[in-house]
Amino acid sequence: SKEAEPRARDSKMPRAASFASALDELMGKERDVPVDKRVNRVMKFTDDEIDKYWLCGLSPYLLFKNTRSDMGQWDKIQDDKCKETWDALTQEEKDSHGYEYDLMRKLEGMVSDLDKTINRNKEKLVQDNQYGKIQLSKETLVQVDALSAQIKELQARSQEAGENGDVDASMAMVKECEALTAKREALENPQFPGKEKVMDVCEICCNFMSNTDSDIRKSEHLAGKQHVGWEAIRTRLAELKAMNDGAGPPPRPITGGSTAGAGGDRQRDTKERE
C-alpha cells in the first residue's frame, strides 16, 4: 500500500547511514575526495607536496624570506611526521630516493653562483680603488693636498734647523708636522682618524665589509639572515659532499617511475636554466 512505501524507505535509511558510517571508519570521511585535495589524509614523505630538501636537513627556500636572496614562493610542506619517518630510514633506503643528491646539486649551484658574485665584487672594489681608500670629495682632496705640501715643507725646514744646531726650532716644527698629519688623517678618514679604511667582501654571504665597522655592525652582519643562511648552506653542502668517503650521496637509481626529484624542484631548476 501507499502508506507502507514511506515506512519501507524509512526502514532502509538507517541501514544506509550505518553502512556509510562503517565506510567512513574504514576509509575515512574524505574517501570520495581526490587524494590531492583531502584535508585530513595522512601524508607520506614521498608525496609531491612534501619538502624533500627540508627532509634532508635544509630547505634553502625557507632561509632568505624578505632578503635580497629571497628565492620566491615555495609551497612545499614541512611535515614533522614525514621527517620522523625519513630520519628512521637506513642510509641505503634514503639513497634509493635520491633526495640528498638533489639537495647537494641544488646547494652546489647556489654556492657556485654566489662565489662568482663575490669574485666580481672584489674585482670591482679593486677597479674602483676602494681597497685602502675612501672616496673623498674634490674639496676635501684639495685640503688634503695642501696639508701634505705643508707637512713636506715643515719636514725639510725641521731637518735644516737640526743640521744648523737649532734643536728647539727643529722639535717645534716636528710637533707642528704631527698636528698637521693628524688633521690630514681626519679628513681622509673622518670616522676613524689614523686608521686606514679597507673595504672587502664577506666570503660567506657576499656582504660588503670594512675594517672600520663598529662591533655592533660586525655582530649584526654575523647574525643577519644573509650570513646565517649562507653559512648553513655551505656547512650542509660540505656534509653532503663528505658522504661516502667524499663521493657524496648517489643519485636516484634510474627506474621507469617519475624523475621529479626534491618535490618537483628538479623540473623547476630545468625551466629556470632554459
C-alpha atoms as a PDB file:
ATOM      1  CA  SER A   1       0.000   0.000   0.000  1.00  0.00           C
ATOM      2  CA  LYS A   2       0.925   3.695  -0.317  1.00  0.00           C
ATOM      3  CA  GLU A   3       1.234   4.000   3.455  1.00  0.00           C
ATOM      4  CA  ALA A   4       3.662   1.096   3.532  1.00  0.00           C
ATOM      5  CA  GLU A   5       6.055   2.648   0.944  1.00  0.00           C
ATOM      6  CA  PRO A   6       7.354   5.500   3.183  1.00  0.00           C
ATOM      7  CA  ARG A   7       7.787   3.009   6.006  1.00  0.00           C
ATOM      8  CA  ALA A   8       9.873   0.781   3.727  1.00  0.00           C
ATOM      9  CA  ARG A   9      12.054   3.694   2.679  1.00  0.00           C
ATOM     10  CA  ASP A  10      12.442   4.788   6.304  1.00  0.00           C
ATOM     11  CA  SER A  11      13.497   1.296   7.290  1.00  0.00           C
ATOM     12  CA  LYS A  12      16.268   1.358   4.642  1.00  0.00           C
ATOM     13  CA  MET A  13      17.712   4.780   5.693  1.00  0.00           C
ATOM     14  CA  PRO A  14      19.221   3.608   8.999  1.00  0.00           C
ATOM     15  CA  ARG A  15      20.893   0.738   7.182  1.00  0.00           C
ATOM     16  CA  ALA A  16      22.379   3.119   4.567  1.00  0.00           C
ATOM     17  CA  ALA A  17      23.561   5.517   7.271  1.00  0.00           C
ATOM     18  CA  SER A  18      25.114   2.646   9.172  1.00  0.00           C
ATOM     19  CA  PHE A  19      26.886   1.430   6.031  1.00  0.00           C
ATOM     20  CA  ALA A  20      28.207   4.964   5.283  1.00  0.00           C
ATOM     21  CA  SER A  21      29.435   5.265   8.859  1.00  0.00           C
ATOM     22  CA  ALA A  22      31.252   1.969   8.534  1.00  0.00           C
ATOM     23  CA  LEU A  23      32.910   3.144   5.307  1.00  0.00           C
ATOM     24  CA  ASP A  24      33.903   6.413   6.997  1.00  0.00           C
ATOM     25  CA  GLU A  25      35.569   4.485   9.779  1.00  0.00           C
ATOM     26  CA  LEU A  26      37.281   2.104   7.391  1.00  0.00           C
ATOM     27  CA  MET A  27      38.362   4.511   4.608  1.00  0.00           C
ATOM     28  CA  GLY A  28      37.955   7.954   6.162  1.00  0.00           C
ATOM     29  CA  LYS A  29      35.347  10.629   5.660  1.00  0.00           C
ATOM     30  CA  GLU A  30      37.213  12.004   2.645  1.00  0.00           C
ATOM     31  CA  ARG A  31      37.150   8.683   0.777  1.00  0.00           C
ATOM     32  CA  ASP A  32      35.326  10.265  -2.190  1.00  0.00           C
ATOM     33  CA  VAL A  33      37.570  13.385  -2.304  1.00  0.00           C
ATOM     34  CA  PRO A  34      40.541  13.340  -4.736  1.00  0.00           C
ATOM     35  CA  VAL A  35      43.727  12.416  -2.874  1.00  0.00           C
ATOM     36  CA  ASP A  36      45.472  15.730  -3.552  1.00  0.00           C
ATOM     37  CA  LYS A  37      42.512  17.679  -2.177  1.00  0.00           C
ATOM     38  CA  ARG A  38      41.979  15.743   1.056  1.00  0.00           C
ATOM     39  CA  VAL A  39      42.440  17.766   4.221  1.00  0.00           C
ATOM     40  CA  ASN A  40      42.806  15.055   6.830  1.00  0.00           C
ATOM     41  CA  ARG A  41      44.766  12.461   4.884  1.00  0.00           C
ATOM     42  CA  VAL A  42      47.945  11.004   6.355  1.00  0.00           C
ATOM     43  CA  MET A  43      50.851  12.299   4.276  1.00  0.00           C
ATOM     44  CA  LYS A  44      53.820  10.213   3.155  1.00  0.00           C
ATOM     45  CA  PHE A  45      57.290  11.673   2.717  1.00  0.00           C
ATOM     46  CA  THR A  46      57.224  10.608  -0.933  1.00  0.00           C
ATOM     47  CA  ASP A  47      54.181  12.803  -1.673  1.00  0.00           C
ATOM     48  CA  ASP A  48      54.840  15.604  -4.148  1.00  0.00           C
ATOM     49  CA  GLU A  49      53.663  18.222  -1.649  1.00  0.00           C
ATOM     50  CA  ILE A  50      56.404  17.347   0.870  1.00  0.00           C
ATOM     51  CA  ASP A  51      59.548  19.492   1.002  1.00  0.00           C
ATOM     52  CA  LYS A  52      62.280  16.944   0.244  1.00  0.00           C
ATOM     53  CA  TYR A  53      65.049  19.474   0.889  1.00  0.00           C
ATOM     54  CA  TRP A  54      63.677  20.008   4.389  1.00  0.00           C
ATOM     55  CA  LEU A  55      63.604  16.261   4.977  1.00  0.00           C
ATOM     56  CA  CYS A  56      67.326  16.156   4.178  1.00  0.00           C
ATOM     57  CA  GLY A  57      68.216  18.806   6.726  1.00  0.00           C
ATOM     58  CA  LEU A  58      67.942  22.146   4.959  1.00  0.00           C
ATOM     59  CA  SER A  59      65.434  23.847   2.679  1.00  0.00           C
ATOM     60  CA  PRO A  60      67.136  26.862   1.062  1.00  0.00           C
ATOM     61  CA  TYR A  61      63.782  28.375   0.105  1.00  0.00           C
ATOM     62  CA  LEU A  62      62.998  28.938   3.806  1.00  0.00           C
ATOM     63  CA  LEU A  63      66.247  30.734   4.673  1.00  0.00           C
ATOM     64  CA  PHE A  64      66.048  34.079   2.915  1.00  0.00           C
ATOM     65  CA  LYS A  65      62.475  35.329   3.161  1.00  0.00           C
ATOM     66  CA  ASN A  66      62.318  39.121   2.688  1.00  0.00           C
ATOM     67  CA  THR A  67      66.041  39.446   1.946  1.00  0.00           C
ATOM     68  CA  ARG A  68      67.866  40.163  -1.308  1.00  0.00           C
ATOM     69  CA  SER A  69      68.472  36.402  -1.613  1.00  0.00           C
ATOM     70  CA  ASP A  70      64.747  35.591  -1.381  1.00  0.00           C
ATOM     71  CA  MET A  71      64.183  32.606  -3.694  1.00  0.00           C
ATOM     72  CA  GLY A  72      60.492  33.237  -4.277  1.00  0.00           C
ATOM     73  CA  GLN A  73      57.387  31.288  -3.395  1.00  0.00           C
ATOM     74  CA  TRP A  74      57.855  27.733  -2.115  1.00  0.00           C
ATOM     75  CA  ASP A  75      54.622  25.875  -1.431  1.00  0.00           C
ATOM     76  CA  LYS A  76      56.066  22.544  -0.300  1.00  0.00           C
ATOM     77  CA  ILE A  77      55.012  21.223   3.107  1.00  0.00           C
ATOM     78  CA  GLN A  78      57.284  20.620   6.098  1.00  0.00           C
ATOM     79  CA  ASP A  79      55.559  17.734   7.888  1.00  0.00           C
ATOM     80  CA  ASP A  80      57.036  16.532  11.200  1.00  0.00           C
ATOM     81  CA  LYS A  81      55.633  13.005  10.875  1.00  0.00           C
ATOM     82  CA  CYS A  82      57.182  12.629   7.447  1.00  0.00           C
ATOM     83  CA  LYS A  83      60.502  13.897   8.836  1.00  0.00           C
ATOM     84  CA  GLU A  84      60.383  11.278  11.600  1.00  0.00           C
ATOM     85  CA  THR A  85      59.741   8.561   9.032  1.00  0.00           C
ATOM     86  CA  TRP A  86      62.579   9.808   6.845  1.00  0.00           C
ATOM     87  CA  ASP A  87      65.045  10.044   9.740  1.00  0.00           C
ATOM     88  CA  ALA A  88      64.228   6.452  10.733  1.00  0.00           C
ATOM     89  CA  LEU A  89      65.273   5.097   7.316  1.00  0.00           C
ATOM     90  CA  THR A  90      68.612   3.396   6.814  1.00  0.00           C
ATOM     91  CA  GLN A  91      71.117   5.236   4.649  1.00  0.00           C
ATOM     92  CA  GLU A  92      70.610   2.662   1.916  1.00  0.00           C
ATOM     93  CA  GLU A  93      66.867   3.364   1.937  1.00  0.00           C
ATOM     94  CA  LYS A  94      67.496   7.116   1.783  1.00  0.00           C
ATOM     95  CA  ASP A  95      69.883   6.658  -1.145  1.00  0.00           C
ATOM     96  CA  SER A  96      67.172   4.846  -3.096  1.00  0.00           C
ATOM     97  CA  HIS A  97      65.126   8.082  -3.203  1.00  0.00           C
ATOM     98  CA  GLY A  98      67.949  10.395  -4.297  1.00  0.00           C
ATOM     99  CA  TYR A  99      66.692  13.336  -2.228  1.00  0.00           C
ATOM    100  CA  GLU A 100      70.087  14.045  -0.628  1.00  0.00           C
ATOM    101  CA  TYR A 101      71.715  14.023  -4.061  1.00  0.00           C
ATOM    102  CA  ASP A 102      69.102  16.519  -5.305  1.00  0.00           C
ATOM    103  CA  LEU A 103      69.810  18.782  -2.321  1.00  0.00           C
ATOM    104  CA  MET A 104      73.564  18.587  -2.906  1.00  0.00           C
ATOM    105  CA  ARG A 105      73.183  19.582  -6.557  1.00  0.00           C
ATOM    106  CA  LYS A 106      70.847  22.440  -5.615  1.00  0.00           C
ATOM    107  CA  LEU A 107      73.262  23.813  -2.999  1.00  0.00           C
ATOM    108  CA  GLU A 108      76.245  23.391  -5.339  1.00  0.00           C
ATOM    109  CA  GLY A 109      74.556  25.580  -7.926  1.00  0.00           C
ATOM    110  CA  MET A 110      73.628  28.235  -5.371  1.00  0.00           C
ATOM    111  CA  VAL A 111      77.119  28.396  -3.843  1.00  0.00           C
ATOM    112  CA  SER A 112      78.774  28.459  -7.270  1.00  0.00           C
ATOM    113  CA  ASP A 113      76.628  31.420  -8.356  1.00  0.00           C
ATOM    114  CA  LEU A 114      77.291  33.322  -5.116  1.00  0.00           C
ATOM    115  CA  ASP A 115      81.050  32.720  -5.272  1.00  0.00           C
ATOM    116  CA  LYS A 116      81.092  34.175  -8.795  1.00  0.00           C
ATOM    117  CA  THR A 117      79.322  37.287  -7.471  1.00  0.00           C
ATOM    118  CA  ILE A 118      81.814  37.540  -4.592  1.00  0.00           C
ATOM    119  CA  ASN A 119      84.743  37.451  -7.032  1.00  0.00           C
ATOM    120  CA  ARG A 120      83.104  40.037  -9.299  1.00  0.00           C
ATOM    121  CA  ASN A 121      82.518  42.388  -6.358  1.00  0.00           C
ATOM    122  CA  LYS A 122      86.124  42.027  -5.222  1.00  0.00           C
ATOM    123  CA  GLU A 123      87.352  42.833  -8.713  1.00  0.00           C
ATOM    124  CA  LYS A 124      85.061  45.868  -8.790  1.00  0.00           C
ATOM    125  CA  LEU A 125      86.494  47.123  -5.491  1.00  0.00           C
ATOM    126  CA  VAL A 126      89.992  46.935  -6.944  1.00  0.00           C
ATOM    127  CA  GLN A 127      88.924  48.701 -10.139  1.00  0.00           C
ATOM    128  CA  ASP A 128      87.161  51.419  -8.146  1.00  0.00           C
ATOM    129  CA  ASN A 129      90.282  51.848  -5.998  1.00  0.00           C
ATOM    130  CA  GLN A 130      88.295  51.138  -2.850  1.00  0.00           C
ATOM    131  CA  TYR A 131      90.869  48.906  -1.156  1.00  0.00           C
ATOM    132  CA  GLY A 132      92.607  51.074   1.436  1.00  0.00           C
ATOM    133  CA  LYS A 133      90.890  54.291   0.407  1.00  0.00           C
ATOM    134  CA  ILE A 134      87.723  56.293   0.908  1.00  0.00           C
ATOM    135  CA  GLN A 135      86.192  58.235  -1.945  1.00  0.00           C
ATOM    136  CA  LEU A 136      86.749  61.888  -0.985  1.00  0.00           C
ATOM    137  CA  SER A 137      85.065  64.977  -2.382  1.00  0.00           C
ATOM    138  CA  LYS A 138      87.078  67.339  -4.585  1.00  0.00           C
ATOM    139  CA  GLU A 139      87.071  69.996  -1.841  1.00  0.00           C
ATOM    140  CA  THR A 140      88.462  67.528   0.694  1.00  0.00           C
ATOM    141  CA  LEU A 141      91.126  66.340  -1.742  1.00  0.00           C
ATOM    142  CA  VAL A 142      92.282  69.968  -2.174  1.00  0.00           C
ATOM    143  CA  GLN A 143      92.609  70.338   1.611  1.00  0.00           C
ATOM    144  CA  VAL A 144      94.481  67.029   1.884  1.00  0.00           C
ATOM    145  CA  ASP A 145      96.918  68.047  -0.840  1.00  0.00           C
ATOM    146  CA  ALA A 146      97.524  71.431   0.818  1.00  0.00           C
ATOM    147  CA  LEU A 147      98.229  69.779   4.179  1.00  0.00           C
ATOM    148  CA  SER A 148     100.590  67.286   2.521  1.00  0.00           C
ATOM    149  CA  ALA A 149     102.521  70.172   0.975  1.00  0.00           C
ATOM    150  CA  GLN A 150     102.736  71.941   4.360  1.00  0.00           C
ATOM    151  CA  ILE A 151     103.948  68.797   6.074  1.00  0.00           C
ATOM    152  CA  LYS A 152     106.603  68.210   3.435  1.00  0.00           C
ATOM    153  CA  GLU A 153     107.856  71.781   3.751  1.00  0.00           C
ATOM    154  CA  LEU A 154     107.970  71.631   7.564  1.00  0.00           C
ATOM    155  CA  GLN A 155     109.862  68.345   7.488  1.00  0.00           C
ATOM    156  CA  ALA A 156     112.509  69.921   5.243  1.00  0.00           C
ATOM    157  CA  ARG A 157     112.793  73.023   7.471  1.00  0.00           C
ATOM    158  CA  SER A 158     112.949  70.870  10.622  1.00  0.00           C
ATOM    159  CA  GLN A 159     115.800  68.858   9.165  1.00  0.00           C
ATOM    160  CA  GLU A 160     117.632  72.034   8.152  1.00  0.00           C
ATOM    161  CA  ALA A 161     117.204  73.574  11.631  1.00  0.00           C
ATOM    162  CA  GLY A 162     118.539  70.425  13.249  1.00  0.00           C
ATOM    163  CA  GLU A 163     121.588  70.392  10.989  1.00  0.00           C
ATOM    164  CA  ASN A 164     122.240  74.047  11.981  1.00  0.00           C
ATOM    165  CA  GLY A 165     122.077  73.163  15.681  1.00  0.00           C
ATOM    166  CA  ASP A 166     118.717  74.829  16.372  1.00  0.00           C
ATOM    167  CA  VAL A 167     117.219  71.844  18.183  1.00  0.00           C
ATOM    168  CA  ASP A 168     114.321  73.736  19.760  1.00  0.00           C
ATOM    169  CA  ALA A 169     113.114  75.093  16.428  1.00  0.00           C
ATOM    170  CA  SER A 170     113.514  71.659  14.833  1.00  0.00           C
ATOM    171  CA  MET A 171     111.429  69.955  17.567  1.00  0.00           C
ATOM    172  CA  ALA A 172     108.753  72.656  17.350  1.00  0.00           C
ATOM    173  CA  MET A 173     108.355  72.024  13.640  1.00  0.00           C
ATOM    174  CA  VAL A 174     108.212  68.259  14.260  1.00  0.00           C
ATOM    175  CA  LYS A 175     105.280  68.779  16.624  1.00  0.00           C
ATOM    176  CA  GLU A 176     103.625  71.042  14.070  1.00  0.00           C
ATOM    177  CA  CYS A 177     104.060  68.280  11.455  1.00  0.00           C
ATOM    178  CA  GLU A 178     102.391  65.790  13.788  1.00  0.00           C
ATOM    179  CA  ALA A 179      99.408  68.100  14.284  1.00  0.00           C
ATOM    180  CA  LEU A 180      99.032  68.657  10.540  1.00  0.00           C
ATOM    181  CA  THR A 181      99.327  64.881   9.886  1.00  0.00           C
ATOM    182  CA  ALA A 182      96.539  64.163  12.372  1.00  0.00           C
ATOM    183  CA  LYS A 183      94.394  66.810  10.684  1.00  0.00           C
ATOM    184  CA  ARG A 184      95.039  65.245   7.281  1.00  0.00           C
ATOM    185  CA  GLU A 185      94.141  61.762   8.564  1.00  0.00           C
ATOM    186  CA  ALA A 186      90.895  63.118   9.996  1.00  0.00           C
ATOM    187  CA  LEU A 187      89.981  64.427   6.545  1.00  0.00           C
ATOM    188  CA  GLU A 188      90.916  61.175   4.821  1.00  0.00           C
ATOM    189  CA  ASN A 189      89.010  59.013   7.301  1.00  0.00           C
ATOM    190  CA  PRO A 190      86.620  61.183   9.326  1.00  0.00           C
ATOM    191  CA  GLN A 191      85.019  58.303  11.261  1.00  0.00           C
ATOM    192  CA  PHE A 192      88.242  56.575  12.298  1.00  0.00           C
ATOM    193  CA  PRO A 193      91.146  59.072  12.082  1.00  0.00           C
ATOM    194  CA  GLY A 194      94.547  57.450  11.904  1.00  0.00           C
ATOM    195  CA  LYS A 195      93.148  54.120  10.671  1.00  0.00           C
ATOM    196  CA  GLU A 196      93.167  53.266   7.006  1.00  0.00           C
ATOM    197  CA  LYS A 197      89.760  52.083   5.823  1.00  0.00           C
ATOM    198  CA  VAL A 198      89.849  48.850   3.865  1.00  0.00           C
ATOM    199  CA  MET A 199      86.768  47.533   2.062  1.00  0.00           C
ATOM    200  CA  ASP A 200      86.235  43.838   1.459  1.00  0.00           C
ATOM    201  CA  VAL A 201      83.513  41.306   0.575  1.00  0.00           C
ATOM    202  CA  CYS A 202      82.362  38.603   3.005  1.00  0.00           C
ATOM    203  CA  GLU A 203      83.483  35.187   1.722  1.00  0.00           C
ATOM    204  CA  ILE A 204      80.355  33.560   3.193  1.00  0.00           C
ATOM    205  CA  CYS A 205      77.418  35.766   2.179  1.00  0.00           C
ATOM    206  CA  CYS A 206      78.814  38.420  -0.227  1.00  0.00           C
ATOM    207  CA  ASN A 207      78.012  41.397   2.027  1.00  0.00           C
ATOM    208  CA  PHE A 208      80.394  44.350   1.870  1.00  0.00           C
ATOM    209  CA  MET A 209      82.505  44.902   4.988  1.00  0.00           C
ATOM    210  CA  SER A 210      85.060  47.387   6.267  1.00  0.00           C
ATOM    211  CA  ASN A 211      87.838  47.071   8.814  1.00  0.00           C
ATOM    212  CA  THR A 212      86.417  50.218  10.414  1.00  0.00           C
ATOM    213  CA  ASP A 213      82.977  48.709  11.034  1.00  0.00           C
ATOM    214  CA  SER A 214      81.848  49.030  14.641  1.00  0.00           C
ATOM    215  CA  ASP A 215      81.429  45.951  16.854  1.00  0.00           C
ATOM    216  CA  ILE A 216      77.649  46.371  16.627  1.00  0.00           C
ATOM    217  CA  ARG A 217      77.825  46.446  12.819  1.00  0.00           C
ATOM    218  CA  LYS A 218      80.006  43.316  12.793  1.00  0.00           C
ATOM    219  CA  SER A 219      77.604  41.499  15.143  1.00  0.00           C
ATOM    220  CA  GLU A 220      74.600  42.463  13.030  1.00  0.00           C
ATOM    221  CA  HIS A 221      76.363  41.139   9.947  1.00  0.00           C
ATOM    222  CA  LEU A 222      77.192  37.767  11.538  1.00  0.00           C
ATOM    223  CA  ALA A 223      73.685  37.377  12.997  1.00  0.00           C
ATOM    224  CA  GLY A 224      71.836  38.540   9.878  1.00  0.00           C
ATOM    225  CA  LYS A 225      69.654  36.268   7.722  1.00  0.00           C
ATOM    226  CA  GLN A 226      72.049  36.535   4.795  1.00  0.00           C
ATOM    227  CA  HIS A 227      75.166  35.415   6.655  1.00  0.00           C
ATOM    228  CA  VAL A 228      73.446  32.781   8.822  1.00  0.00           C
ATOM    229  CA  GLY A 229      71.603  31.345   5.818  1.00  0.00           C
ATOM    230  CA  TRP A 230      74.623  31.105   3.527  1.00  0.00           C
ATOM    231  CA  GLU A 231      76.757  29.707   6.334  1.00  0.00           C
ATOM    232  CA  ALA A 232      74.136  26.959   6.882  1.00  0.00           C
ATOM    233  CA  ILE A 233      74.106  26.221   3.135  1.00  0.00           C
ATOM    234  CA  ARG A 234      77.892  25.933   2.934  1.00  0.00           C
ATOM    235  CA  THR A 235      78.004  23.736   6.040  1.00  0.00           C
ATOM    236  CA  ARG A 236      75.281  21.374   4.785  1.00  0.00           C
ATOM    237  CA  LEU A 237      76.884  21.190   1.340  1.00  0.00           C
ATOM    238  CA  ALA A 238      80.234  20.216   2.898  1.00  0.00           C
ATOM    239  CA  GLU A 239      78.489  17.499   4.933  1.00  0.00           C
ATOM    240  CA  LEU A 240      76.774  16.074   1.860  1.00  0.00           C
ATOM    241  CA  LYS A 241      79.960  16.102  -0.211  1.00  0.00           C
ATOM    242  CA  ALA A 242      81.792  14.259   2.572  1.00  0.00           C
ATOM    243  CA  MET A 243      79.361  11.325   2.433  1.00  0.00           C
ATOM    244  CA  ASN A 244      80.578   8.002   1.017  1.00  0.00           C
ATOM    245  CA  ASP A 245      84.252   8.885   1.526  1.00  0.00           C
ATOM    246  CA  GLY A 246      83.945  12.126  -0.404  1.00  0.00           C
ATOM    247  CA  ALA A 247      81.859  10.794  -3.278  1.00  0.00           C
ATOM    248  CA  GLY A 248      78.674  12.406  -1.955  1.00  0.00           C
ATOM    249  CA  PRO A 249      75.191  10.876  -1.921  1.00  0.00           C
ATOM    250  CA  PRO A 250      74.276   8.832  -5.007  1.00  0.00           C
ATOM    251  CA  PRO A 251      71.584   9.928  -7.464  1.00  0.00           C
ATOM    252  CA  ARG A 252      68.302   8.082  -7.516  1.00  0.00           C
ATOM    253  CA  PRO A 253      68.557   4.790  -9.414  1.00  0.00           C
ATOM    254  CA  ILE A 254      67.025   5.127 -12.885  1.00  0.00           C
ATOM    255  CA  THR A 255      63.658   3.382 -12.993  1.00  0.00           C
ATOM    256  CA  GLY A 256      60.519   3.557 -15.060  1.00  0.00           C
ATOM    257  CA  GLY A 257      58.893   5.830 -12.485  1.00  0.00           C
ATOM    258  CA  SER A 258      58.840   9.573 -12.013  1.00  0.00           C
ATOM    259  CA  THR A 259      62.040  11.604 -12.342  1.00  0.00           C
ATOM    260  CA  ALA A 260      60.798  14.659 -10.457  1.00  0.00           C
ATOM    261  CA  GLY A 261      63.191  14.869  -7.527  1.00  0.00           C
ATOM    262  CA  ALA A 262      63.025  17.061  -4.449  1.00  0.00           C
ATOM    263  CA  GLY A 263      59.300  17.583  -4.608  1.00  0.00           C
ATOM    264  CA  GLY A 264      59.315  18.664  -8.248  1.00  0.00           C
ATOM    265  CA  ASP A 265      62.130  21.199  -7.880  1.00  0.00           C
ATOM    266  CA  ARG A 266      64.315  19.363 -10.384  1.00  0.00           C
ATOM    267  CA  GLN A 267      61.775  20.303 -13.042  1.00  0.00           C
ATOM    268  CA  ARG A 268      61.718  23.885 -11.734  1.00  0.00           C
ATOM    269  CA  ASP A 269      65.525  24.152 -11.976  1.00  0.00           C
ATOM    270  CA  THR A 270      65.428  22.901 -15.562  1.00  0.00           C
ATOM    271  CA  LYS A 271      62.892  25.578 -16.512  1.00  0.00           C
ATOM    272  CA  GLU A 272      64.992  28.295 -14.826  1.00  0.00           C
ATOM    273  CA  ARG A 273      68.095  27.232 -16.807  1.00  0.00           C
ATOM    274  CA  GLU A 274      66.102  27.359 -20.030  1.00  0.00           C
END
